[in-house]
N, C-alpha and C. Protein backbone atom coordinates (compact mmCIF):
# COMPACT_ATOMS: atom_id res chain seq x y z
N MET A 1 -14.09 -12.69 96.78
CA MET A 1 -12.73 -12.79 97.27
C MET A 1 -12.52 -11.66 98.27
N LEU A 2 -12.89 -11.85 99.51
CA LEU A 2 -12.72 -10.85 100.55
C LEU A 2 -11.25 -10.70 100.89
N GLY A 3 -10.89 -9.52 101.35
CA GLY A 3 -9.50 -9.25 101.65
C GLY A 3 -8.79 -8.58 100.48
N TYR A 4 -9.43 -8.53 99.33
CA TYR A 4 -8.90 -7.83 98.18
C TYR A 4 -8.84 -6.35 98.52
N GLU A 5 -7.92 -5.65 97.94
CA GLU A 5 -7.61 -4.27 98.31
C GLU A 5 -8.82 -3.36 98.47
N ASP A 6 -9.79 -3.41 97.56
CA ASP A 6 -10.94 -2.51 97.70
C ASP A 6 -12.19 -3.23 98.22
N LYS A 7 -12.00 -4.40 98.84
CA LYS A 7 -13.06 -5.13 99.54
C LYS A 7 -14.19 -5.60 98.62
N ARG A 8 -13.91 -5.84 97.38
CA ARG A 8 -14.92 -6.33 96.45
C ARG A 8 -14.95 -7.84 96.49
N ASN A 9 -16.13 -8.41 96.21
CA ASN A 9 -16.27 -9.85 96.16
C ASN A 9 -15.77 -10.43 94.84
N PHE A 10 -15.73 -9.61 93.79
CA PHE A 10 -15.30 -10.06 92.47
C PHE A 10 -14.31 -9.06 91.90
N TYR A 11 -13.32 -9.57 91.18
CA TYR A 11 -12.36 -8.70 90.51
C TYR A 11 -13.04 -7.91 89.40
N ARG A 12 -12.56 -6.70 89.19
CA ARG A 12 -13.03 -5.89 88.08
C ARG A 12 -12.06 -6.06 86.91
N MET A 13 -12.61 -6.15 85.72
CA MET A 13 -11.78 -6.25 84.52
C MET A 13 -11.92 -4.94 83.76
N MET A 14 -10.81 -4.27 83.52
CA MET A 14 -10.83 -3.02 82.77
C MET A 14 -11.05 -3.35 81.30
N VAL A 15 -12.05 -2.72 80.67
CA VAL A 15 -12.34 -3.03 79.28
C VAL A 15 -12.31 -1.81 78.36
N ASN A 16 -12.75 -0.65 78.82
CA ASN A 16 -12.78 0.57 78.00
C ASN A 16 -13.34 0.30 76.61
N SER A 17 -14.54 -0.27 76.58
CA SER A 17 -15.17 -0.68 75.34
C SER A 17 -16.41 0.17 75.07
N PRO A 18 -16.62 0.60 73.81
CA PRO A 18 -17.84 1.34 73.49
C PRO A 18 -19.07 0.46 73.71
N CYS A 19 -20.16 1.08 74.14
CA CYS A 19 -21.40 0.34 74.36
C CYS A 19 -22.58 1.28 74.18
N GLU A 20 -23.77 0.70 74.21
CA GLU A 20 -25.01 1.46 74.11
C GLU A 20 -25.84 1.20 75.36
N VAL A 21 -26.48 2.24 75.87
CA VAL A 21 -27.33 2.14 77.06
C VAL A 21 -28.72 2.65 76.68
N ARG A 22 -29.74 1.89 77.07
CA ARG A 22 -31.12 2.29 76.82
C ARG A 22 -31.87 2.27 78.15
N LEU A 23 -32.62 3.32 78.43
CA LEU A 23 -33.41 3.39 79.66
C LEU A 23 -34.62 2.49 79.52
N GLN A 24 -34.83 1.56 80.45
CA GLN A 24 -35.94 0.61 80.35
C GLN A 24 -37.30 1.29 80.45
N ASP A 25 -37.41 2.35 81.25
CA ASP A 25 -38.71 2.99 81.43
C ASP A 25 -38.98 4.06 80.36
N GLN A 26 -38.05 4.27 79.44
CA GLN A 26 -38.23 5.21 78.34
C GLN A 26 -37.76 4.56 77.04
N PRO A 27 -38.45 3.49 76.60
CA PRO A 27 -37.98 2.76 75.42
C PRO A 27 -37.95 3.59 74.15
N SER A 28 -38.71 4.69 74.10
CA SER A 28 -38.70 5.53 72.91
C SER A 28 -37.43 6.37 72.82
N MET A 29 -36.72 6.52 73.94
CA MET A 29 -35.47 7.28 73.93
C MET A 29 -34.42 6.53 73.13
N THR A 30 -33.71 7.23 72.29
CA THR A 30 -32.67 6.58 71.50
C THR A 30 -31.56 6.10 72.43
N ASN A 31 -30.74 5.23 71.89
CA ASN A 31 -29.63 4.70 72.68
C ASN A 31 -28.68 5.81 73.08
N ILE A 32 -28.12 5.68 74.26
CA ILE A 32 -27.14 6.63 74.77
C ILE A 32 -25.76 6.02 74.54
N SER A 33 -24.89 6.76 73.87
CA SER A 33 -23.53 6.29 73.66
C SER A 33 -22.79 6.29 74.99
N ALA A 34 -22.00 5.25 75.19
CA ALA A 34 -21.27 5.12 76.45
C ALA A 34 -19.97 4.36 76.22
N VAL A 35 -19.15 4.36 77.26
CA VAL A 35 -17.93 3.55 77.28
C VAL A 35 -17.96 2.74 78.56
N CYS A 36 -17.87 1.43 78.44
CA CYS A 36 -17.80 0.57 79.62
C CYS A 36 -16.35 0.61 80.10
N ARG A 37 -16.13 1.22 81.25
CA ARG A 37 -14.77 1.36 81.79
C ARG A 37 -14.29 0.05 82.42
N ASP A 38 -15.17 -0.60 83.19
CA ASP A 38 -14.80 -1.88 83.79
C ASP A 38 -16.04 -2.70 84.06
N ILE A 39 -15.82 -4.00 84.24
CA ILE A 39 -16.93 -4.92 84.45
C ILE A 39 -16.48 -5.98 85.44
N SER A 40 -17.43 -6.44 86.26
CA SER A 40 -17.18 -7.56 87.18
C SER A 40 -18.36 -8.52 87.03
N ALA A 41 -18.40 -9.53 87.84
CA ALA A 41 -19.49 -10.50 87.78
C ALA A 41 -20.84 -9.89 88.15
N THR A 42 -20.83 -8.79 88.92
CA THR A 42 -22.09 -8.23 89.40
C THR A 42 -22.35 -6.79 89.00
N GLY A 43 -21.41 -6.13 88.32
CA GLY A 43 -21.62 -4.73 87.98
C GLY A 43 -20.69 -4.21 86.92
N MET A 44 -20.94 -2.95 86.54
CA MET A 44 -20.14 -2.27 85.54
C MET A 44 -19.99 -0.80 85.92
N SER A 45 -18.96 -0.19 85.38
CA SER A 45 -18.78 1.25 85.45
C SER A 45 -18.84 1.77 84.03
N LEU A 46 -19.74 2.75 83.79
CA LEU A 46 -19.97 3.26 82.44
C LEU A 46 -19.85 4.77 82.41
N GLU A 47 -19.22 5.30 81.38
CA GLU A 47 -19.18 6.74 81.15
C GLU A 47 -20.17 7.06 80.04
N LEU A 48 -21.18 7.90 80.35
CA LEU A 48 -22.26 8.20 79.41
C LEU A 48 -22.19 9.62 78.90
N ASP A 49 -22.72 9.82 77.70
CA ASP A 49 -22.78 11.15 77.10
C ASP A 49 -24.06 11.88 77.50
N VAL A 50 -24.38 11.86 78.78
CA VAL A 50 -25.51 12.61 79.34
C VAL A 50 -25.03 13.21 80.66
N PRO A 51 -25.66 14.30 81.12
CA PRO A 51 -25.18 14.95 82.35
C PRO A 51 -25.38 14.13 83.62
N SER A 52 -26.46 13.31 83.69
CA SER A 52 -26.68 12.50 84.89
C SER A 52 -27.83 11.51 84.64
N LEU A 53 -27.90 10.51 85.53
CA LEU A 53 -29.02 9.58 85.57
C LEU A 53 -29.41 9.41 87.02
N ASP A 54 -30.70 9.24 87.27
CA ASP A 54 -31.19 9.06 88.63
C ASP A 54 -30.80 7.69 89.17
N LEU A 55 -30.49 7.63 90.46
CA LEU A 55 -30.24 6.34 91.10
C LEU A 55 -31.50 5.50 91.01
N GLY A 56 -31.33 4.22 90.78
CA GLY A 56 -32.47 3.32 90.65
C GLY A 56 -32.97 3.17 89.23
N THR A 57 -32.48 3.99 88.30
CA THR A 57 -32.89 3.88 86.91
C THR A 57 -32.51 2.51 86.36
N LEU A 58 -33.45 1.86 85.69
CA LEU A 58 -33.20 0.55 85.08
C LEU A 58 -32.74 0.76 83.65
N VAL A 59 -31.66 0.07 83.27
CA VAL A 59 -31.07 0.24 81.95
C VAL A 59 -30.79 -1.09 81.29
N ASP A 60 -30.78 -1.07 79.95
CA ASP A 60 -30.33 -2.19 79.13
C ASP A 60 -28.99 -1.77 78.54
N ILE A 61 -28.00 -2.64 78.61
CA ILE A 61 -26.65 -2.33 78.13
C ILE A 61 -26.27 -3.35 77.08
N THR A 62 -25.71 -2.87 75.96
CA THR A 62 -25.23 -3.74 74.90
C THR A 62 -23.78 -3.39 74.59
N ILE A 63 -22.92 -4.40 74.66
CA ILE A 63 -21.52 -4.24 74.28
C ILE A 63 -21.27 -5.19 73.12
N GLU A 64 -21.08 -4.62 71.94
CA GLU A 64 -20.84 -5.42 70.75
C GLU A 64 -19.47 -6.09 70.84
N SER A 65 -19.40 -7.32 70.41
CA SER A 65 -18.14 -8.05 70.39
C SER A 65 -17.34 -7.67 69.16
N SER A 66 -16.04 -7.54 69.32
CA SER A 66 -15.18 -7.24 68.18
C SER A 66 -14.59 -8.53 67.60
N SER A 67 -15.00 -9.66 68.15
CA SER A 67 -14.49 -10.95 67.72
C SER A 67 -15.64 -11.87 67.35
N GLU A 68 -15.46 -12.64 66.29
CA GLU A 68 -16.49 -13.61 65.90
C GLU A 68 -16.60 -14.74 66.92
N GLN A 69 -15.58 -14.91 67.73
CA GLN A 69 -15.54 -16.00 68.71
C GLN A 69 -16.27 -15.66 70.01
N LEU A 70 -16.57 -14.39 70.21
CA LEU A 70 -17.26 -13.95 71.43
C LEU A 70 -18.61 -13.36 71.09
N ALA A 71 -19.60 -13.70 71.87
CA ALA A 71 -20.95 -13.17 71.65
C ALA A 71 -21.06 -11.74 72.16
N THR A 72 -22.00 -11.00 71.61
CA THR A 72 -22.32 -9.66 72.11
C THR A 72 -22.84 -9.78 73.53
N LEU A 73 -22.42 -8.89 74.41
CA LEU A 73 -22.88 -8.90 75.80
C LEU A 73 -24.11 -8.02 75.91
N GLU A 74 -25.18 -8.57 76.47
CA GLU A 74 -26.39 -7.81 76.74
C GLU A 74 -26.74 -7.99 78.20
N ALA A 75 -27.00 -6.87 78.89
CA ALA A 75 -27.29 -6.95 80.32
C ALA A 75 -28.42 -5.99 80.69
N LYS A 76 -29.15 -6.38 81.72
CA LYS A 76 -30.13 -5.50 82.37
C LYS A 76 -29.50 -5.12 83.70
N ALA A 77 -29.62 -3.85 84.08
CA ALA A 77 -28.95 -3.39 85.28
C ALA A 77 -29.69 -2.20 85.91
N LYS A 78 -29.27 -1.86 87.12
CA LYS A 78 -29.85 -0.73 87.86
C LYS A 78 -28.72 0.22 88.25
N VAL A 79 -28.94 1.52 88.06
CA VAL A 79 -27.95 2.54 88.42
C VAL A 79 -27.87 2.64 89.94
N VAL A 80 -26.66 2.43 90.48
CA VAL A 80 -26.46 2.51 91.93
C VAL A 80 -25.51 3.65 92.32
N ARG A 81 -24.89 4.26 91.31
CA ARG A 81 -23.97 5.39 91.57
C ARG A 81 -23.94 6.26 90.33
N CYS A 82 -23.88 7.59 90.52
CA CYS A 82 -23.78 8.52 89.40
C CYS A 82 -22.96 9.72 89.82
N GLU A 83 -21.90 9.98 89.08
CA GLU A 83 -21.03 11.14 89.33
C GLU A 83 -20.98 11.98 88.06
N SER A 84 -21.33 13.25 88.17
CA SER A 84 -21.27 14.14 87.01
C SER A 84 -19.82 14.36 86.63
N GLY A 85 -19.59 14.38 85.33
CA GLY A 85 -18.24 14.59 84.82
C GLY A 85 -18.15 15.88 84.04
N GLU A 86 -17.08 16.01 83.29
CA GLU A 86 -16.88 17.19 82.47
C GLU A 86 -17.64 17.04 81.16
N ASP A 87 -17.92 18.14 80.50
CA ASP A 87 -18.52 18.14 79.17
C ASP A 87 -19.85 17.39 79.11
N ASN A 88 -20.72 17.59 80.10
CA ASN A 88 -22.05 16.97 80.12
C ASN A 88 -22.00 15.45 80.04
N THR A 89 -21.06 14.84 80.71
CA THR A 89 -20.98 13.38 80.80
C THR A 89 -21.18 12.98 82.26
N CYS A 90 -21.42 11.70 82.48
CA CYS A 90 -21.48 11.20 83.84
C CYS A 90 -20.87 9.81 83.89
N LEU A 91 -20.37 9.44 85.04
CA LEU A 91 -19.84 8.12 85.28
C LEU A 91 -20.82 7.42 86.21
N ILE A 92 -21.37 6.29 85.73
CA ILE A 92 -22.34 5.58 86.56
C ILE A 92 -21.81 4.20 86.93
N GLY A 93 -22.26 3.73 88.07
CA GLY A 93 -22.03 2.36 88.48
C GLY A 93 -23.36 1.65 88.42
N VAL A 94 -23.38 0.46 87.82
CA VAL A 94 -24.63 -0.28 87.73
C VAL A 94 -24.47 -1.66 88.35
N GLU A 95 -25.57 -2.15 88.90
CA GLU A 95 -25.64 -3.50 89.43
C GLU A 95 -26.38 -4.35 88.40
N ILE A 96 -25.72 -5.41 87.94
CA ILE A 96 -26.31 -6.26 86.90
C ILE A 96 -27.36 -7.18 87.53
N SER A 97 -28.55 -7.20 86.91
CA SER A 97 -29.60 -8.10 87.38
C SER A 97 -29.78 -9.29 86.46
N GLU A 98 -29.40 -9.15 85.19
CA GLU A 98 -29.56 -10.24 84.22
C GLU A 98 -28.57 -10.05 83.08
N MET A 99 -27.97 -11.15 82.63
CA MET A 99 -27.10 -11.12 81.45
C MET A 99 -27.62 -12.12 80.44
N LYS A 100 -27.54 -11.74 79.17
CA LYS A 100 -28.01 -12.62 78.09
C LYS A 100 -26.83 -13.14 77.31
């Protein structure tokens, strides 16, 4: 939908939902706690409990459903933006490559 205020092709939906992030190239690393701030058809914004992630990092994201009527969301994505936050957290933007 071009012409939208921030020039995005898809609307973002604010969700502020807890989720888990796992680095694809480090499967032995435990899940990283995160909060999915918003989601669109092609990406997500996530706040992670780590100081930073490298651009291009491939991640698996799981957002558990709080409803029996909705399935758990599982996605594979690539980090395309990372901003360091306060208290050793970071806000990342990811581009979704696959959803299950």
